[in-house]
């Protein structure tokens, strides 16, 4: 990996001038409902993740998600 990587308490990841922000999806109520639907197998989460990347390829993931329409990207998973 090239450059300095940092993570702050505001859930922002910075890498060489790029910032990636996360979100909990609309608060506790929405997140709770989503967790329940997933636990009850009523929400096919596997269909939402369209691209997966290793952490070493985070810049490629950022590019795919940044140009989602061009890549038919819905959610990008970085592991």
N, C-alpha and C. Protein backbone atom coordinates (compact mmCIF):
# COMPACT_ATOMS: atom_id res chain seq x y z
N UNK A 1 0.86 -1.17 0.00
CA UNK A 1 0.00 0.00 0.00
C UNK A 1 0.90 1.24 0.00
N UNK A 2 0.49 2.22 -0.73
CA UNK A 2 1.25 3.46 -0.83
C UNK A 2 0.53 4.53 -0.04
N UNK A 3 1.29 5.37 0.66
CA UNK A 3 0.69 6.49 1.37
C UNK A 3 0.28 6.16 2.79
N UNK A 4 -0.14 7.18 3.50
CA UNK A 4 -0.54 7.07 4.90
C UNK A 4 -2.04 6.83 5.00
N UNK A 5 -2.41 5.86 5.81
CA UNK A 5 -3.82 5.52 6.03
C UNK A 5 -4.18 5.91 7.45
N UNK A 6 -5.32 6.60 7.62
CA UNK A 6 -5.75 6.98 8.97
C UNK A 6 -7.25 6.78 9.11
N UNK A 7 -7.68 6.52 10.35
CA UNK A 7 -9.08 6.34 10.67
C UNK A 7 -9.39 7.18 11.89
N UNK A 8 -10.42 8.04 11.80
CA UNK A 8 -10.78 8.84 12.97
C UNK A 8 -12.09 8.34 13.56
N UNK A 9 -12.46 8.85 14.70
CA UNK A 9 -13.68 8.40 15.40
C UNK A 9 -14.95 8.79 14.66
N UNK A 10 -14.87 9.68 13.71
CA UNK A 10 -16.03 10.07 12.91
C UNK A 10 -16.29 9.12 11.75
N UNK A 11 -15.64 7.97 11.76
CA UNK A 11 -15.80 6.94 10.74
C UNK A 11 -15.33 7.39 9.36
N UNK A 12 -14.27 8.17 9.31
CA UNK A 12 -13.72 8.57 8.03
C UNK A 12 -12.36 7.90 7.86
N UNK A 13 -12.14 7.37 6.68
CA UNK A 13 -10.86 6.76 6.33
C UNK A 13 -10.21 7.69 5.32
N UNK A 14 -8.97 8.05 5.57
CA UNK A 14 -8.25 8.91 4.64
C UNK A 14 -7.05 8.17 4.10
N UNK A 15 -6.84 8.26 2.80
CA UNK A 15 -5.70 7.63 2.15
C UNK A 15 -5.23 8.55 1.04
N UNK A 16 -4.08 9.11 1.22
CA UNK A 16 -3.46 9.99 0.23
C UNK A 16 -4.42 11.03 -0.34
N UNK A 17 -5.14 11.72 0.52
CA UNK A 17 -6.00 12.79 0.07
C UNK A 17 -7.42 12.36 -0.28
N UNK A 18 -7.69 11.07 -0.37
CA UNK A 18 -9.05 10.58 -0.62
C UNK A 18 -9.73 10.33 0.71
N UNK A 19 -11.00 10.65 0.82
CA UNK A 19 -11.76 10.39 2.04
C UNK A 19 -12.96 9.53 1.70
N UNK A 20 -13.15 8.49 2.50
CA UNK A 20 -14.27 7.59 2.33
C UNK A 20 -15.06 7.65 3.62
N UNK A 21 -16.34 7.96 3.55
CA UNK A 21 -17.17 8.09 4.74
C UNK A 21 -18.17 6.94 4.82
N UNK A 22 -18.47 6.52 6.04
CA UNK A 22 -19.44 5.47 6.26
C UNK A 22 -20.70 6.03 6.89
N UNK A 23 -21.73 5.23 6.88
CA UNK A 23 -23.02 5.64 7.43
C UNK A 23 -23.72 4.43 8.01
N UNK A 24 -24.53 4.66 9.03
CA UNK A 24 -25.25 3.55 9.64
C UNK A 24 -26.61 3.34 8.99
N UNK A 25 -26.91 4.04 7.93
CA UNK A 25 -28.11 3.78 7.16
C UNK A 25 -29.39 4.38 7.70
N UNK A 26 -29.35 5.51 8.36
CA UNK A 26 -30.56 6.18 8.74
C UNK A 26 -30.97 6.06 10.19
N UNK A 27 -30.09 5.67 11.05
CA UNK A 27 -30.39 5.65 12.46
C UNK A 27 -30.73 4.29 13.02
N UNK A 28 -30.96 4.26 14.34
CA UNK A 28 -31.17 3.00 15.04
C UNK A 28 -32.43 2.26 14.58
N UNK A 29 -33.51 2.98 14.33
CA UNK A 29 -34.75 2.33 13.93
C UNK A 29 -34.57 1.61 12.59
N UNK A 30 -34.05 2.30 11.61
CA UNK A 30 -33.85 1.70 10.30
C UNK A 30 -32.86 0.55 10.38
N UNK A 31 -31.76 0.75 11.09
CA UNK A 31 -30.75 -0.29 11.22
C UNK A 31 -31.32 -1.51 11.93
N UNK A 32 -32.12 -1.29 12.95
CA UNK A 32 -32.75 -2.40 13.66
C UNK A 32 -33.69 -3.19 12.77
N UNK A 33 -34.47 -2.49 11.96
CA UNK A 33 -35.39 -3.17 11.04
C UNK A 33 -34.61 -3.97 10.00
N UNK A 34 -33.53 -3.39 9.50
CA UNK A 34 -32.71 -4.11 8.52
C UNK A 34 -32.09 -5.36 9.13
N UNK A 35 -31.57 -5.25 10.34
CA UNK A 35 -30.98 -6.42 11.02
C UNK A 35 -32.02 -7.52 11.18
N UNK A 36 -33.24 -7.15 11.56
CA UNK A 36 -34.31 -8.13 11.75
C UNK A 36 -34.64 -8.82 10.43
N UNK A 37 -34.76 -8.06 9.36
CA UNK A 37 -35.06 -8.63 8.04
C UNK A 37 -33.96 -9.58 7.58
N UNK A 38 -32.71 -9.22 7.84
CA UNK A 38 -31.59 -10.09 7.48
C UNK A 38 -31.62 -11.36 8.31
N UNK A 39 -31.83 -11.24 9.63
CA UNK A 39 -31.87 -12.40 10.52
C UNK A 39 -33.00 -13.35 10.15
N UNK A 40 -34.10 -12.81 9.67
CA UNK A 40 -35.26 -13.63 9.29
C UNK A 40 -35.17 -14.11 7.83
N UNK A 41 -34.05 -13.83 7.19
CA UNK A 41 -33.81 -14.23 5.79
C UNK A 41 -34.88 -13.67 4.84
N UNK A 42 -35.37 -12.48 5.16
CA UNK A 42 -36.36 -11.82 4.32
C UNK A 42 -35.74 -10.76 3.42
N UNK A 43 -34.47 -10.49 3.62
CA UNK A 43 -33.76 -9.50 2.83
C UNK A 43 -32.53 -10.17 2.21
N UNK A 44 -32.49 -10.34 0.91
CA UNK A 44 -31.39 -11.07 0.26
C UNK A 44 -30.12 -10.21 0.15
N UNK A 45 -29.42 -10.03 1.24
CA UNK A 45 -28.27 -9.12 1.27
C UNK A 45 -27.19 -9.51 0.28
N UNK A 46 -27.07 -10.79 -0.02
CA UNK A 46 -26.04 -11.23 -0.96
C UNK A 46 -26.24 -10.61 -2.35
N UNK A 47 -27.45 -10.18 -2.66
CA UNK A 47 -27.72 -9.57 -3.96
C UNK A 47 -27.34 -8.09 -4.00
N UNK A 48 -27.15 -7.48 -2.86
CA UNK A 48 -26.79 -6.06 -2.82
C UNK A 48 -25.30 -5.84 -3.06
N UNK A 49 -24.46 -6.78 -2.64
CA UNK A 49 -23.01 -6.65 -2.83
C UNK A 49 -22.68 -7.11 -4.24
N UNK A 50 -22.31 -6.17 -5.08
CA UNK A 50 -22.03 -6.48 -6.47
C UNK A 50 -20.53 -6.60 -6.76
N UNK A 51 -19.69 -6.05 -5.88
CA UNK A 51 -18.25 -6.08 -6.08
C UNK A 51 -17.56 -6.29 -4.73
N UNK A 52 -16.51 -7.11 -4.71
CA UNK A 52 -15.73 -7.30 -3.49
C UNK A 52 -14.26 -7.04 -3.78
N UNK A 53 -13.59 -6.45 -2.78
CA UNK A 53 -12.17 -6.10 -2.91
C UNK A 53 -11.46 -6.39 -1.61
N UNK A 54 -10.18 -6.71 -1.71
CA UNK A 54 -9.35 -6.80 -0.51
C UNK A 54 -8.99 -5.36 -0.10
N UNK A 55 -8.55 -5.19 1.15
CA UNK A 55 -8.19 -3.85 1.62
C UNK A 55 -7.03 -3.28 0.81
N UNK A 56 -6.18 -4.16 0.28
CA UNK A 56 -5.06 -3.70 -0.54
C UNK A 56 -5.53 -3.04 -1.83
N UNK A 57 -6.75 -3.36 -2.27
CA UNK A 57 -7.31 -2.80 -3.50
C UNK A 57 -8.36 -1.73 -3.24
N UNK A 58 -8.24 -1.04 -2.12
CA UNK A 58 -9.25 -0.06 -1.71
C UNK A 58 -9.41 1.08 -2.72
N UNK A 59 -8.34 1.45 -3.40
CA UNK A 59 -8.45 2.53 -4.39
C UNK A 59 -9.26 2.08 -5.60
N UNK A 60 -9.12 0.82 -6.00
CA UNK A 60 -9.96 0.29 -7.08
C UNK A 60 -11.42 0.24 -6.65
N UNK A 61 -11.67 -0.16 -5.40
CA UNK A 61 -13.03 -0.20 -4.87
C UNK A 61 -13.65 1.19 -4.87
N UNK A 62 -12.87 2.17 -4.47
CA UNK A 62 -13.34 3.56 -4.44
C UNK A 62 -13.70 4.03 -5.85
N UNK A 63 -12.90 3.64 -6.82
CA UNK A 63 -13.17 4.02 -8.21
C UNK A 63 -14.46 3.36 -8.72
N UNK A 64 -14.63 2.08 -8.44
CA UNK A 64 -15.84 1.37 -8.87
C UNK A 64 -17.08 2.01 -8.25
N UNK A 65 -17.05 2.25 -6.94
CA UNK A 65 -18.21 2.83 -6.27
C UNK A 65 -18.45 4.27 -6.72
N UNK A 66 -17.37 4.99 -7.00
CA UNK A 66 -17.50 6.37 -7.47
C UNK A 66 -18.10 6.48 -8.86
N UNK A 67 -18.02 5.40 -9.61
CA UNK A 67 -18.59 5.35 -10.97
C UNK A 67 -19.57 4.18 -11.05
N UNK A 68 -20.45 4.11 -10.08
CA UNK A 68 -21.36 2.97 -9.91
C UNK A 68 -22.19 2.67 -11.15
N UNK A 69 -22.71 3.68 -11.78
CA UNK A 69 -23.56 3.45 -12.95
C UNK A 69 -22.79 2.79 -14.09
N UNK A 70 -21.56 3.17 -14.25
CA UNK A 70 -20.73 2.61 -15.32
C UNK A 70 -20.37 1.15 -15.07
N UNK A 71 -20.35 0.75 -13.79
CA UNK A 71 -19.91 -0.60 -13.41
C UNK A 71 -21.04 -1.47 -12.86
N UNK A 72 -22.29 -0.98 -12.96
CA UNK A 72 -23.44 -1.69 -12.38
C UNK A 72 -23.17 -2.08 -10.93
N UNK A 73 -22.68 -1.12 -10.18
CA UNK A 73 -22.32 -1.34 -8.78
C UNK A 73 -23.44 -0.86 -7.85
N UNK A 74 -23.83 -1.71 -6.93
CA UNK A 74 -24.82 -1.34 -5.94
C UNK A 74 -24.13 -1.11 -4.58
N UNK A 75 -23.44 -2.14 -4.09
CA UNK A 75 -22.65 -2.03 -2.86
C UNK A 75 -21.30 -2.66 -3.10
N UNK A 76 -20.26 -2.05 -2.55
CA UNK A 76 -18.90 -2.55 -2.67
C UNK A 76 -18.47 -3.03 -1.28
N UNK A 77 -18.00 -4.27 -1.22
CA UNK A 77 -17.53 -4.84 0.03
C UNK A 77 -16.01 -4.85 0.04
N UNK A 78 -15.43 -4.29 1.09
CA UNK A 78 -13.97 -4.27 1.26
C UNK A 78 -13.67 -5.11 2.49
N UNK A 79 -12.83 -6.13 2.32
CA UNK A 79 -12.53 -7.03 3.44
C UNK A 79 -11.05 -7.17 3.65
